[in-house]
C-alpha atoms as a PDB file:
ATOM      1  CA  MET A   1     104.774 105.883 103.481  1.00  0.00           C
ATOM      2  CA  HIS A   2     107.415 107.307 101.156  1.00  0.00           C
ATOM      3  CA  MET A   3     108.608 103.827 100.153  1.00  0.00           C
ATOM      4  CA  VAL A   4     105.069 102.609  99.466  1.00  0.00           C
ATOM      5  CA  THR A   5     104.461 105.629  97.236  1.00  0.00           C
ATOM      6  CA  LYS A   6     107.768 105.078  95.407  1.00  0.00           C
ATOM      7  CA  ILE A   7     106.980 101.405  94.702  1.00  0.00           C
ATOM      8  CA  GLN A   8     103.497 102.332  93.464  1.00  0.00           C
ATOM      9  CA  GLN A   9     104.987 104.895  91.070  1.00  0.00           C
ATOM     10  CA  LEU A  10     107.484 102.364  89.709  1.00  0.00           C
ATOM     11  CA  GLN A  11     104.738  99.809  89.065  1.00  0.00           C
ATOM     12  CA  THR A  12     102.343 102.278  87.431  1.00  0.00           C
ATOM     13  CA  THR A  13     102.520 102.365  83.636  1.00  0.00           C
ATOM     14  CA  GLY A  14      99.783 103.133  81.127  1.00  0.00           C
ATOM     15  CA  GLU A  15      96.552 101.600  82.387  1.00  0.00           C
ATOM     16  CA  GLU A  16      98.250  99.512  85.084  1.00  0.00           C
ATOM     17  CA  GLY A  17      99.192 100.331  88.633  1.00  0.00           C
ATOM     18  CA  VAL A  18      97.795 102.689  91.242  1.00  0.00           C
ATOM     19  CA  GLU A  19      95.391 105.548  90.548  1.00  0.00           C
ATOM     20  CA  VAL A  20      95.269 108.027  93.440  1.00  0.00           C
ATOM     21  CA  LEU A  21      91.798 109.546  93.726  1.00  0.00           C
ATOM     22  CA  VAL A  22      92.210 111.511  96.981  1.00  0.00           C
ATOM     23  CA  ASN A  23      95.288 112.439  99.013  1.00  0.00           C
ATOM     24  CA  GLU A  24      94.492 115.026 101.660  1.00  0.00           C
ATOM     25  CA  PRO A  25      94.939 115.801 105.355  1.00  0.00           C
ATOM     26  CA  PHE A  26      92.201 114.695 107.763  1.00  0.00           C
ATOM     27  CA  GLU A  27      91.387 115.348 111.389  1.00  0.00           C
ATOM     28  CA  ASN A  28      88.781 113.793 113.673  1.00  0.00           C
ATOM     29  CA  GLU A  29      88.224 113.656 117.434  1.00  0.00           C
ATOM     30  CA  GLU A  30      90.953 110.983 117.870  1.00  0.00           C
ATOM     31  CA  TRP A  31      93.472 111.334 115.028  1.00  0.00           C
ATOM     32  CA  LYS A  32      95.125 113.849 112.747  1.00  0.00           C
ATOM     33  CA  GLY A  33      96.877 112.574 109.627  1.00  0.00           C
ATOM     34  CA  GLN A  34      96.639 111.851 105.896  1.00  0.00           C
ATOM     35  CA  PHE A  35      93.675 110.257 104.063  1.00  0.00           C
ATOM     36  CA  THR A  36      94.194 108.493 100.727  1.00  0.00           C
ATOM     37  CA  SER A  37      91.772 106.788  98.379  1.00  0.00           C
ATOM     38  CA  LYS A  38      93.281 104.687  95.579  1.00  0.00           C
ATOM     39  CA  ILE A  39      92.279 102.226  92.885  1.00  0.00           C
ATOM     40  CA  CYS A  40      94.792  99.475  92.151  1.00  0.00           C
ATOM     41  CA  HIS A  41      94.605  98.166  88.559  1.00  0.00           C
ATOM     42  CA  LEU A  42      95.914  94.601  88.668  1.00  0.00           C
ATOM     43  CA  GLN A  43      95.230  93.205  85.171  1.00  0.00           C
ATOM     44  CA  SER A  44      98.844  92.159  84.509  1.00  0.00           C
ATOM     45  CA  LYS A  45      99.049  90.367  87.881  1.00  0.00           C
ATOM     46  CA  PHE A  46      96.345  87.853  86.901  1.00  0.00           C
ATOM     47  CA  PRO A  47      97.157  84.758  84.822  1.00  0.00           C
ATOM     48  CA  SER A  48      96.169  85.424  81.184  1.00  0.00           C
ATOM     49  CA  TRP A  49      93.731  82.494  81.114  1.00  0.00           C
ATOM     50  CA  LEU A  50      91.898  83.883  84.145  1.00  0.00           C
ATOM     51  CA  ALA A  51      91.952  87.482  82.886  1.00  0.00           C
ATOM     52  CA  ALA A  52      90.281  86.309  79.641  1.00  0.00           C
ATOM     53  CA  PHE A  53      87.203  85.174  81.596  1.00  0.00           C
ATOM     54  CA  ALA A  54      87.125  87.644  84.486  1.00  0.00           C
ATOM     55  CA  PRO A  55      85.244  90.929  84.196  1.00  0.00           C
ATOM     56  CA  LEU A  56      87.559  93.951  84.112  1.00  0.00           C
ATOM     57  CA  ASN A  57      86.249  95.372  87.397  1.00  0.00           C
ATOM     58  CA  SER A  58      87.101  92.113  89.203  1.00  0.00           C
ATOM     59  CA  MET A  59      90.779  92.965  88.716  1.00  0.00           C
ATOM     60  CA  LEU A  60      90.490  96.259  90.611  1.00  0.00           C
ATOM     61  CA  ILE A  61      90.907  96.968  94.310  1.00  0.00           C
ATOM     62  CA  GLU A  62      89.730 100.196  95.904  1.00  0.00           C
ATOM     63  CA  GLU A  63      91.712 101.117  99.023  1.00  0.00           C
ATOM     64  CA  LYS A  64      90.941 103.811 101.577  1.00  0.00           C
ATOM     65  CA  ALA A  65      93.543 104.583 104.242  1.00  0.00           C
ATOM     66  CA  TRP A  66      93.709 106.930 107.209  1.00  0.00           C
ATOM     67  CA  ASN A  67      97.353 107.314 108.256  1.00  0.00           C
ATOM     68  CA  ALA A  68      98.164 109.043 111.527  1.00  0.00           C
ATOM     69  CA  TYR A  69     101.586 107.930 112.687  1.00  0.00           C
ATOM     70  CA  THR A  70     101.664 105.558 114.720  1.00  0.00           C
ATOM     71  CA  LYS A  71      98.094 104.528 113.893  1.00  0.00           C
ATOM     72  CA  CYS A  72      96.685 103.453 110.549  1.00  0.00           C
ATOM     73  CA  LYS A  73      93.226 102.301 109.438  1.00  0.00           C
ATOM     74  CA  THR A  74      92.877 100.717 105.995  1.00  0.00           C
ATOM     75  CA  GLY A  75      89.925  99.239 104.140  1.00  0.00           C
ATOM     76  CA  ALA A  76      89.771  97.572 100.737  1.00  0.00           C
ATOM     77  CA  GLN A  77      86.966  96.641  98.370  1.00  0.00           C
ATOM     78  CA  PHE A  78      87.486  94.201  95.512  1.00  0.00           C
ATOM     79  CA  GLY A  79      85.800  94.602  92.147  1.00  0.00           C
ATOM     80  CA  CYS A  80      84.905  98.264  92.524  1.00  0.00           C
END
């Protein structure tokens, strides 16, 4: 988890990269761990010709993750 966070920080500049919305502990009947909600801004990863035609929100990914070592549940939504 530390390495993922470090890479995200290195790739985040200006309006690009990862925007962390929520990072907090969670606990339910099965797991206890860390919940994160992020938006990944990927404009620079798209070819310029495609980015010129694509709506801005189509280059975003919203990720929600529940991390409870050794278990992890992740979901992503494109174009949030």
